[in-house]
Amino acid sequence: MNVDQHLKVAQWHIEQARLHATSEHTCGCPVNEHYHKIIQEVEAGKIEEELSCSVDN
């Protein structure tokens, strides 16, 4: 993905989180291994640049 595509996906996720927080809607997004790694990086306060984008990393 290019930068613009990454930003659009991030915007979608932020809007989904906002909507989930303000409604009875529950999220059906699975917490897969890739998302788990991302959550750990955010919680640790150390988001590092990925040199290659791959859900297999």
C-alpha atoms as a PDB file:
ATOM      1  CA  MET A   1       0.000   0.000   0.000  1.00  0.00           C
ATOM      2  CA  ASN A   2       1.100   3.547  -0.550  1.00  0.00           C
ATOM      3  CA  VAL A   3       0.944   6.312   2.065  1.00  0.00           C
ATOM      4  CA  ASP A   4      -2.478   7.565   0.950  1.00  0.00           C
ATOM      5  CA  GLN A   5      -3.927   4.057   1.148  1.00  0.00           C
ATOM      6  CA  HIS A   6      -2.474   3.521   4.643  1.00  0.00           C
ATOM      7  CA  LEU A   7      -4.026   6.791   5.800  1.00  0.00           C
ATOM      8  CA  LYS A   8      -7.433   5.831   4.391  1.00  0.00           C
ATOM      9  CA  VAL A   9      -7.340   2.467   6.171  1.00  0.00           C
ATOM     10  CA  ALA A  10      -6.284   4.183   9.410  1.00  0.00           C
ATOM     11  CA  GLN A  11      -9.100   6.727   9.018  1.00  0.00           C
ATOM     12  CA  TRP A  12     -11.600   3.879   8.536  1.00  0.00           C
ATOM     13  CA  HIS A  13     -10.371   2.109  11.687  1.00  0.00           C
ATOM     14  CA  ILE A  14     -10.524   5.327  13.740  1.00  0.00           C
ATOM     15  CA  GLU A  15     -14.074   6.027  12.581  1.00  0.00           C
ATOM     16  CA  GLN A  16     -15.120   2.445  13.357  1.00  0.00           C
ATOM     17  CA  ALA A  17     -13.653   2.737  16.863  1.00  0.00           C
ATOM     18  CA  ARG A  18     -15.484   6.037  17.414  1.00  0.00           C
ATOM     19  CA  LEU A  19     -18.768   4.530  16.238  1.00  0.00           C
ATOM     20  CA  HIS A  20     -18.304   1.438  18.414  1.00  0.00           C
ATOM     21  CA  ALA A  21     -17.641   3.618  21.454  1.00  0.00           C
ATOM     22  CA  THR A  22     -20.869   5.568  20.947  1.00  0.00           C
ATOM     23  CA  SER A  23     -23.305   2.801  20.085  1.00  0.00           C
ATOM     24  CA  GLU A  24     -24.416  -0.706  20.890  1.00  0.00           C
ATOM     25  CA  HIS A  25     -22.521  -1.979  17.861  1.00  0.00           C
ATOM     26  CA  THR A  26     -19.893  -4.613  18.556  1.00  0.00           C
ATOM     27  CA  CYS A  27     -16.831  -5.037  16.435  1.00  0.00           C
ATOM     28  CA  GLY A  28     -16.403  -8.232  14.469  1.00  0.00           C
ATOM     29  CA  CYS A  29     -12.746  -7.582  13.678  1.00  0.00           C
ATOM     30  CA  PRO A  30     -10.598 -10.534  14.726  1.00  0.00           C
ATOM     31  CA  VAL A  31      -7.443  -9.829  16.706  1.00  0.00           C
ATOM     32  CA  ASN A  32      -5.054 -11.766  14.520  1.00  0.00           C
ATOM     33  CA  GLU A  33      -1.314 -12.106  15.119  1.00  0.00           C
ATOM     34  CA  HIS A  34      -0.526  -8.991  13.038  1.00  0.00           C
ATOM     35  CA  TYR A  35      -3.036  -6.804  14.910  1.00  0.00           C
ATOM     36  CA  HIS A  36      -1.820  -8.213  18.240  1.00  0.00           C
ATOM     37  CA  LYS A  37       1.727  -7.099  17.359  1.00  0.00           C
ATOM     38  CA  ILE A  38       0.449  -3.629  16.466  1.00  0.00           C
ATOM     39  CA  ILE A  39      -1.505  -3.342  19.732  1.00  0.00           C
ATOM     40  CA  GLN A  40       1.594  -4.344  21.720  1.00  0.00           C
ATOM     41  CA  GLU A  41       3.720  -1.720  19.934  1.00  0.00           C
ATOM     42  CA  VAL A  42       1.159   1.023  20.595  1.00  0.00           C
ATOM     43  CA  GLU A  43       0.766   0.048  24.263  1.00  0.00           C
ATOM     44  CA  ALA A  44       4.553  -0.016  24.688  1.00  0.00           C
ATOM     45  CA  GLY A  45       4.786   3.453  23.128  1.00  0.00           C
ATOM     46  CA  LYS A  46       7.234   2.320  20.480  1.00  0.00           C
ATOM     47  CA  ILE A  47       5.808   2.299  17.003  1.00  0.00           C
ATOM     48  CA  GLU A  48       8.583   1.486  14.589  1.00  0.00           C
ATOM     49  CA  GLU A  49       8.578   2.022  10.848  1.00  0.00           C
ATOM     50  CA  GLU A  50       8.053  -1.146   8.873  1.00  0.00           C
ATOM     51  CA  LEU A  51      10.439  -1.325   5.965  1.00  0.00           C
ATOM     52  CA  SER A  52       8.169  -3.734   4.124  1.00  0.00           C
ATOM     53  CA  CYS A  53       4.430  -4.034   4.556  1.00  0.00           C
ATOM     54  CA  SER A  54       3.345  -7.589   5.080  1.00  0.00           C
ATOM     55  CA  VAL A  55       0.893  -9.275   7.382  1.00  0.00           C
ATOM     56  CA  ASP A  56       3.372 -12.145   7.465  1.00  0.00           C
ATOM     57  CA  ASN A  57       5.980 -10.106   9.415  1.00  0.00           C
END
